PDB file of N, CA and C in Angstrom:
ATOM      1  N   MET A   1      51.868  65.728 283.054  1.00  0.00           N
ATOM      2  CA  MET A   1      51.740  64.831 281.894  1.00  0.00           C
ATOM      3  C   MET A   1      50.510  65.192 281.095  1.00  0.00           C
ATOM      4  N   ALA A   2      51.491  64.924 280.073  1.00  0.00           N
ATOM      5  CA  ALA A   2      50.999  65.198 278.845  1.00  0.00           C
ATOM      6  C   ALA A   2      49.660  64.466 278.369  1.00  0.00           C
ATOM      7  N   SER A   3      49.837  62.837 278.945  1.00  0.00           N
ATOM      8  CA  SER A   3      48.733  61.304 278.885  1.00  0.00           C
ATOM      9  C   SER A   3      48.019  60.866 279.192  1.00  0.00           C
ATOM     10  N   LYS A   4      46.880  60.772 279.782  1.00  0.00           N
ATOM     11  CA  LYS A   4      46.761  59.372 280.505  1.00  0.00           C
ATOM     12  C   LYS A   4      47.429  58.425 280.432  1.00  0.00           C
ATOM     13  N   GLN A   5      48.233  58.129 281.161  1.00  0.00           N
ATOM     14  CA  GLN A   5      49.043  56.715 280.899  1.00  0.00           C
ATOM     15  C   GLN A   5      48.108  55.888 281.945  1.00  0.00           C
ATOM     16  N   GLN A   6      48.582  53.974 281.343  1.00  0.00           N
ATOM     17  CA  GLN A   6      47.927  52.901 281.615  1.00  0.00           C
ATOM     18  C   GLN A   6      47.874  52.527 283.177  1.00  0.00           C
ATOM     19  N   SER A   7      47.109  52.337 284.316  1.00  0.00           N
ATOM     20  CA  SER A   7      47.957  51.899 285.551  1.00  0.00           C
ATOM     21  C   SER A   7      48.265  50.850 285.374  1.00  0.00           C
ATOM     22  N   LEU A   8      49.010  50.471 286.604  1.00  0.00           N
ATOM     23  CA  LEU A   8      49.900  48.983 286.739  1.00  0.00           C
ATOM     24  C   LEU A   8      48.012  47.877 287.178  1.00  0.00           C
ATOM     25  N   ALA A   9      47.470  48.443 287.396  1.00  0.00           N
ATOM     26  CA  ALA A   9      46.211  47.699 287.244  1.00  0.00           C
ATOM     27  C   ALA A   9      45.571  46.954 286.210  1.00  0.00           C
ATOM     28  N   GLU A  10      45.700  48.128 285.552  1.00  0.00           N
ATOM     29  CA  GLU A  10      44.974  48.012 284.125  1.00  0.00           C
ATOM     30  C   GLU A  10      45.754  46.852 283.333  1.00  0.00           C
ATOM     31  N   PHE A  11      47.137  47.366 283.701  1.00  0.00           N
ATOM     32  CA  PHE A  11      48.157  46.768 282.991  1.00  0.00           C
ATOM     33  C   PHE A  11      47.966  44.900 283.049  1.00  0.00           C
ATOM     34  N   ALA A  12      47.982  44.801 284.584  1.00  0.00           N
ATOM     35  CA  ALA A  12      48.115  43.378 284.904  1.00  0.00           C
ATOM     36  C   ALA A  12      46.930  42.547 284.305  1.00  0.00           C
ATOM     37  N   ASP A  13      45.340  43.303 284.381  1.00  0.00           N
ATOM     38  CA  ASP A  13      44.935  42.579 283.945  1.00  0.00           C
ATOM     39  C   ASP A  13      44.827  42.411 282.831  1.00  0.00           C
ATOM     40  N   ALA A  14      45.261  42.976 281.563  1.00  0.00           N
ATOM     41  CA  ALA A  14      45.294  42.495 280.167  1.00  0.00           C
ATOM     42  C   ALA A  14      46.207  41.808 279.848  1.00  0.00           C
ATOM     43  N   TYR A  15      47.415  42.039 280.615  1.00  0.00           N
ATOM     44  CA  TYR A  15      48.548  41.142 280.022  1.00  0.00           C
ATOM     45  C   TYR A  15      48.525  39.766 280.286  1.00  0.00           C
ATOM     46  N   ARG A  16      48.855  39.097 279.560  1.00  0.00           N
ATOM     47  CA  ARG A  16      48.958  37.281 278.896  1.00  0.00           C
ATOM     48  C   ARG A  16      49.886  37.152 278.555  1.00  0.00           C
ATOM     49  N   ARG A  17      50.569  35.988 279.484  1.00  0.00           N
ATOM     50  CA  ARG A  17      52.381  35.510 279.081  1.00  0.00           C
ATOM     51  C   ARG A  17      51.793  34.448 277.780  1.00  0.00           C
ATOM     52  N   PRO A  18      53.392  34.991 276.891  1.00  0.00           N
ATOM     53  CA  PRO A  18      52.735  33.640 275.803  1.00  0.00           C
ATOM     54  C   PRO A  18      52.529  32.249 276.511  1.00  0.00           C
ATOM     55  N   SER A  19      52.088  31.632 275.359  1.00  0.00           N
ATOM     56  CA  SER A  19      51.578  30.393 275.859  1.00  0.00           C
ATOM     57  C   SER A  19      52.901  29.000 275.336  1.00  0.00           C
ATOM     58  N   THR A  20      53.978  29.645 274.858  1.00  0.00           N
ATOM     59  CA  THR A  20      55.081  28.787 274.528  1.00  0.00           C
ATOM     60  C   THR A  20      56.363  29.568 275.221  1.00  0.00           C
ATOM     61  N   MET A  21      57.365  28.907 275.431  1.00  0.00           N
ATOM     62  CA  MET A  21      58.844  29.463 275.269  1.00  0.00           C
ATOM     63  C   MET A  21      59.176  29.585 274.454  1.00  0.00           C
ATOM     64  N   TRP A  22      60.470  30.639 274.773  1.00  0.00           N
ATOM     65  CA  TRP A  22      61.563  30.687 273.581  1.00  0.00           C
ATOM     66  C   TRP A  22      62.233  29.750 273.090  1.00  0.00           C
ATOM     67  N   ALA A  23      62.845  28.145 273.807  1.00  0.00           N
ATOM     68  CA  ALA A  23      63.543  27.635 273.555  1.00  0.00           C
ATOM     69  C   ALA A  23      62.529  26.935 272.145  1.00  0.00           C
ATOM     70  N   GLU A  24      61.123  26.355 272.665  1.00  0.00           N
ATOM     71  CA  GLU A  24      60.074  26.119 271.569  1.00  0.00           C
ATOM     72  C   GLU A  24      60.433  26.206 270.001  1.00  0.00           C
ATOM     73  N   THR A  25      60.248  27.765 270.251  1.00  0.00           N
ATOM     74  CA  THR A  25      59.485  28.649 268.812  1.00  0.00           C
ATOM     75  C   THR A  25      61.091  28.963 268.232  1.00  0.00           C
ATOM     76  N   GLU A  26      62.116  29.210 269.189  1.00  0.00           N
ATOM     77  CA  GLU A  26      63.575  29.915 268.622  1.00  0.00           C
ATOM     78  C   GLU A  26      64.696  28.444 268.325  1.00  0.00           C
ATOM     79  N   LEU A  27      64.417  27.678 268.749  1.00  0.00           N
ATOM     80  CA  LEU A  27      65.302  26.329 268.505  1.00  0.00           C
ATOM     81  C   LEU A  27      64.712  25.174 267.968  1.00  0.00           C
ATOM     82  N   PRO A  28      65.980  24.820 266.517  1.00  0.00           N
ATOM     83  CA  PRO A  28      65.784  24.051 265.825  1.00  0.00           C
ATOM     84  C   PRO A  28      65.510  22.576 266.459  1.00  0.00           C
ATOM     85  N   ASP A  29      64.731  21.129 266.376  1.00  0.00           N
ATOM     86  CA  ASP A  29      64.548  19.827 266.865  1.00  0.00           C
ATOM     87  C   ASP A  29      66.363  20.255 267.143  1.00  0.00           C
ATOM     88  N   ASP A  30      67.032  19.687 267.044  1.00  0.00           N
ATOM     89  CA  ASP A  30      68.473  18.788 266.662  1.00  0.00           C
ATOM     90  C   ASP A  30      69.112  19.627 267.253  1.00  0.00           C
ATOM     91  N   VAL A  31      69.039  21.254 268.278  1.00  0.00           N
ATOM     92  CA  VAL A  31      69.407  21.614 269.100  1.00  0.00           C
ATOM     93  C   VAL A  31      69.287  21.457 270.128  1.00  0.00           C
ATOM     94  N   LYS A  32      67.595  21.588 270.419  1.00  0.00           N
ATOM     95  CA  LYS A  32      67.281  21.027 271.258  1.00  0.00           C
ATOM     96  C   LYS A  32      67.304  20.148 272.113  1.00  0.00           C
ATOM     97  N   GLU A  33      67.507  18.574 271.369  1.00  0.00           N
ATOM     98  CA  GLU A  33      68.184  16.989 271.444  1.00  0.00           C
ATOM     99  C   GLU A  33      69.431  17.538 272.036  1.00  0.00           C
ATOM    100  N   GLN A  34      70.029  18.247 271.599  1.00  0.00           N
ATOM    101  CA  GLN A  34      71.341  18.273 271.713  1.00  0.00           C
ATOM    102  C   GLN A  34      71.849  19.391 273.627  1.00  0.00           C
ATOM    103  N   ILE A  35      70.812  19.980 273.954  1.00  0.00           N
ATOM    104  CA  ILE A  35      70.618  20.547 274.911  1.00  0.00           C
ATOM    105  C   ILE A  35      70.173  19.216 276.026  1.00  0.00           C
ATOM    106  N   LEU A  36      69.338  19.031 275.620  1.00  0.00           N
ATOM    107  CA  LEU A  36      68.565  17.969 276.532  1.00  0.00           C
ATOM    108  C   LEU A  36      69.756  16.384 276.872  1.00  0.00           C
ATOM    109  N   SER A  37      70.011  16.524 275.755  1.00  0.00           N
ATOM    110  CA  SER A  37      71.082  15.601 276.274  1.00  0.00           C
ATOM    111  C   SER A  37      72.504  15.764 277.119  1.00  0.00           C
ATOM    112  N   MET A  38      72.809  16.570 276.888  1.00  0.00           N
ATOM    113  CA  MET A  38      74.077  17.198 277.009  1.00  0.00           C
ATOM    114  C   MET A  38      73.681  18.114 278.644  1.00  0.00           C
ATOM    115  N   GLY A  39      73.087  17.305 279.370  1.00  0.00           N
ATOM    116  CA  GLY A  39      72.554  17.930 280.807  1.00  0.00           C
ATOM    117  C   GLY A  39      73.373  18.149 282.212  1.00  0.00           C
ATOM    118  N   HIS A  40      74.785  17.766 281.846  1.00  0.00           N
ATOM    119  CA  HIS A  40      76.410  17.682 282.516  1.00  0.00           C
ATOM    120  C   HIS A  40      76.265  19.210 282.270  1.00  0.00           C
ATOM    121  N   VAL A  41      76.316  19.652 280.925  1.00  0.00           N
ATOM    122  CA  VAL A  41      76.721  20.651 280.491  1.00  0.00           C
ATOM    123  C   VAL A  41      76.064  21.816 281.310  1.00  0.00           C
ATOM    124  N   GLY A  42      76.502  22.473 281.945  1.00  0.00           N
ATOM    125  CA  GLY A  42      76.203  24.202 282.731  1.00  0.00           C
ATOM    126  C   GLY A  42      75.500  25.195 281.783  1.00  0.00           C
ATOM    127  N   SER A  43      74.475  25.605 282.227  1.00  0.00           N
ATOM    128  CA  SER A  43      73.574  26.572 281.268  1.00  0.00           C
ATOM    129  C   SER A  43      74.072  27.657 280.571  1.00  0.00           C
ATOM    130  N   ARG A  44      75.831  27.836 281.070  1.00  0.00           N
ATOM    131  CA  ARG A  44      76.687  29.064 281.174  1.00  0.00           C
ATOM    132  C   ARG A  44      76.959  28.832 279.861  1.00  0.00           C
ATOM    133  N   LYS A  45      77.497  27.601 279.955  1.00  0.00           N
ATOM    134  CA  LYS A  45      78.273  26.755 278.870  1.00  0.00           C
ATOM    135  C   LYS A  45      77.201  27.011 277.400  1.00  0.00           C
ATOM    136  N   VAL A  46      76.026  26.248 277.759  1.00  0.00           N
ATOM    137  CA  VAL A  46      75.060  26.261 276.880  1.00  0.00           C
ATOM    138  C   VAL A  46      74.806  27.768 276.173  1.00  0.00           C
ATOM    139  N   VAL A  47      74.586  28.482 276.993  1.00  0.00           N
ATOM    140  CA  VAL A  47      74.126  29.996 276.763  1.00  0.00           C
ATOM    141  C   VAL A  47      75.224  30.379 275.828  1.00  0.00           C
ATOM    142  N   HIS A  48      76.387  30.181 276.097  1.00  0.00           N
ATOM    143  CA  HIS A  48      78.031  30.345 275.498  1.00  0.00           C
ATOM    144  C   HIS A  48      77.399  29.864 273.809  1.00  0.00           C
ATOM    145  N   TRP A  49      77.332  28.679 273.590  1.00  0.00           N
ATOM    146  CA  TRP A  49      77.349  27.890 272.758  1.00  0.00           C
ATOM    147  C   TRP A  49      76.709  28.234 271.564  1.00  0.00           C
ATOM    148  N   LEU A  50      74.781  28.487 272.544  1.00  0.00           N
ATOM    149  CA  LEU A  50      74.355  29.241 271.608  1.00  0.00           C
ATOM    150  C   LEU A  50      74.444  30.531 270.821  1.00  0.00           C
ATOM    151  N   HIS A  51      75.362  31.473 271.508  1.00  0.00           N
ATOM    152  CA  HIS A  51      75.783  32.705 270.854  1.00  0.00           C
ATOM    153  C   HIS A  51      76.451  32.668 269.940  1.00  0.00           C
ATOM    154  N   LYS A  52      77.688  31.745 270.175  1.00  0.00           N
ATOM    155  CA  LYS A  52      78.482  31.224 269.010  1.00  0.00           C
ATOM    156  C   LYS A  52      77.392  30.755 267.926  1.00  0.00           C
ATOM    157  N   ILE A  53      76.507  29.990 267.623  1.00  0.00           N
ATOM    158  CA  ILE A  53      75.822  29.917 266.478  1.00  0.00           C
ATOM    159  C   ILE A  53      74.894  30.565 265.865  1.00  0.00           C
ATOM    160  N   GLY A  54      74.825  31.683 266.746  1.00  0.00           N
ATOM    161  CA  GLY A  54      73.505  32.411 265.962  1.00  0.00           C
ATOM    162  C   GLY A  54      72.330  32.867 267.451  1.00  0.00           C
ATOM    163  N   PHE A  55      72.098  32.459 268.157  1.00  0.00           N
ATOM    164  CA  PHE A  55      71.100  32.624 269.654  1.00  0.00           C
ATOM    165  C   PHE A  55      71.241  33.427 269.859  1.00  0.00           C
ATOM    166  N   ALA A  56      71.345  34.833 269.602  1.00  0.00           N
ATOM    167  CA  ALA A  56      71.880  35.742 270.784  1.00  0.00           C
ATOM    168  C   ALA A  56      71.130  36.044 271.599  1.00  0.00           C
ATOM    169  N   ASP A  57      69.672  35.635 271.564  1.00  0.00           N
ATOM    170  CA  ASP A  57      68.744  36.080 272.921  1.00  0.00           C
ATOM    171  C   ASP A  57      68.671  35.573 273.883  1.00  0.00           C
ATOM    172  N   ALA A  58      69.535  33.638 273.960  1.00  0.00           N
ATOM    173  CA  ALA A  58      69.699  32.719 274.789  1.00  0.00           C
ATOM    174  C   ALA A  58      70.491  33.239 276.185  1.00  0.00           C
ATOM    175  N   THR A  59      69.421  33.048 277.145  1.00  0.00           N
ATOM    176  CA  THR A  59      70.238  33.638 278.266  1.00  0.00           C
ATOM    177  C   THR A  59      70.221  32.027 279.352  1.00  0.00           C
ATOM    178  N   GLU A  60      70.959  32.447 280.678  1.00  0.00           N
ATOM    179  CA  GLU A  60      70.459  31.046 281.737  1.00  0.00           C
ATOM    180  C   GLU A  60      69.668  30.818 282.152  1.00  0.00           C
ATOM    181  N   ALA A  61      68.660  31.670 282.426  1.00  0.00           N
ATOM    182  CA  ALA A  61      67.290  31.472 282.683  1.00  0.00           C
ATOM    183  C   ALA A  61      66.495  30.584 281.966  1.00  0.00           C
ATOM    184  N   LYS A  62      66.241  31.055 280.611  1.00  0.00           N
ATOM    185  CA  LYS A  62      66.100  30.328 279.730  1.00  0.00           C
ATOM    186  C   LYS A  62      65.963  29.034 279.214  1.00  0.00           C
ATOM    187  N   ILE A  63      66.907  28.528 279.703  1.00  0.00           N
ATOM    188  CA  ILE A  63      67.586  26.672 279.369  1.00  0.00           C
ATOM    189  C   ILE A  63      67.453  26.641 280.463  1.00  0.00           C
ATOM    190  N   GLU A  64      67.580  27.142 281.674  1.00  0.00           N
ATOM    191  CA  GLU A  64      66.989  26.550 282.596  1.00  0.00           C
ATOM    192  C   GLU A  64      65.629  26.441 282.804  1.00  0.00           C
ATOM    193  N   HIS A  65      64.710  27.116 282.424  1.00  0.00           N
ATOM    194  CA  HIS A  65      63.348  26.646 282.236  1.00  0.00           C
ATOM    195  C   HIS A  65      63.102  25.384 281.561  1.00  0.00           C
ATOM    196  N   PHE A  66      63.269  25.329 279.882  1.00  0.00           N
ATOM    197  CA  PHE A  66      63.460  24.933 279.407  1.00  0.00           C
ATOM    198  C   PHE A  66      63.618  23.133 280.214  1.00  0.00           C
ATOM    199  N   ARG A  67      65.295  23.391 280.577  1.00  0.00           N
ATOM    200  CA  ARG A  67      65.250  21.881 280.797  1.00  0.00           C
ATOM    201  C   ARG A  67      64.375  21.512 282.284  1.00  0.00           C
ATOM    202  N   ARG A  68      64.444  22.182 282.835  1.00  0.00           N
ATOM    203  CA  ARG A  68      63.078  22.217 283.838  1.00  0.00           C
ATOM    204  C   ARG A  68      62.323  21.246 283.530  1.00  0.00           C
ATOM    205  N   ARG A  69      61.214  21.809 282.054  1.00  0.00           N
ATOM    206  CA  ARG A  69      60.578  21.126 281.345  1.00  0.00           C
ATOM    207  C   ARG A  69      60.453  20.268 280.767  1.00  0.00           C
ATOM    208  N   TYR A  70      61.550  19.818 280.766  1.00  0.00           N
ATOM    209  CA  TYR A  70      61.475  18.643 279.935  1.00  0.00           C
ATOM    210  C   TYR A  70      62.551  17.254 280.429  1.00  0.00           C
ATOM    211  N   THR A  71      63.200  17.458 281.697  1.00  0.00           N
ATOM    212  CA  THR A  71      63.807  16.575 282.211  1.00  0.00           C
ATOM    213  C   THR A  71      63.325  16.431 283.576  1.00  0.00           C
TER     214      THR A  71
END
């Protein structure tokens, strides 16, 4: 080993999750409203739409989390 690596315990003690979710910081209000109002459209289809309109980092998990929090 060339240098001392941080242990998992040290990392876990120092790590803090972001206080905001991806959809809150990355999506415009009109896009968020469309996602919430079209709850009958599946997350996979929403992700494909978001990729098409330029949100390449959208995932099904992010959309499902966003919907659970606001519906």
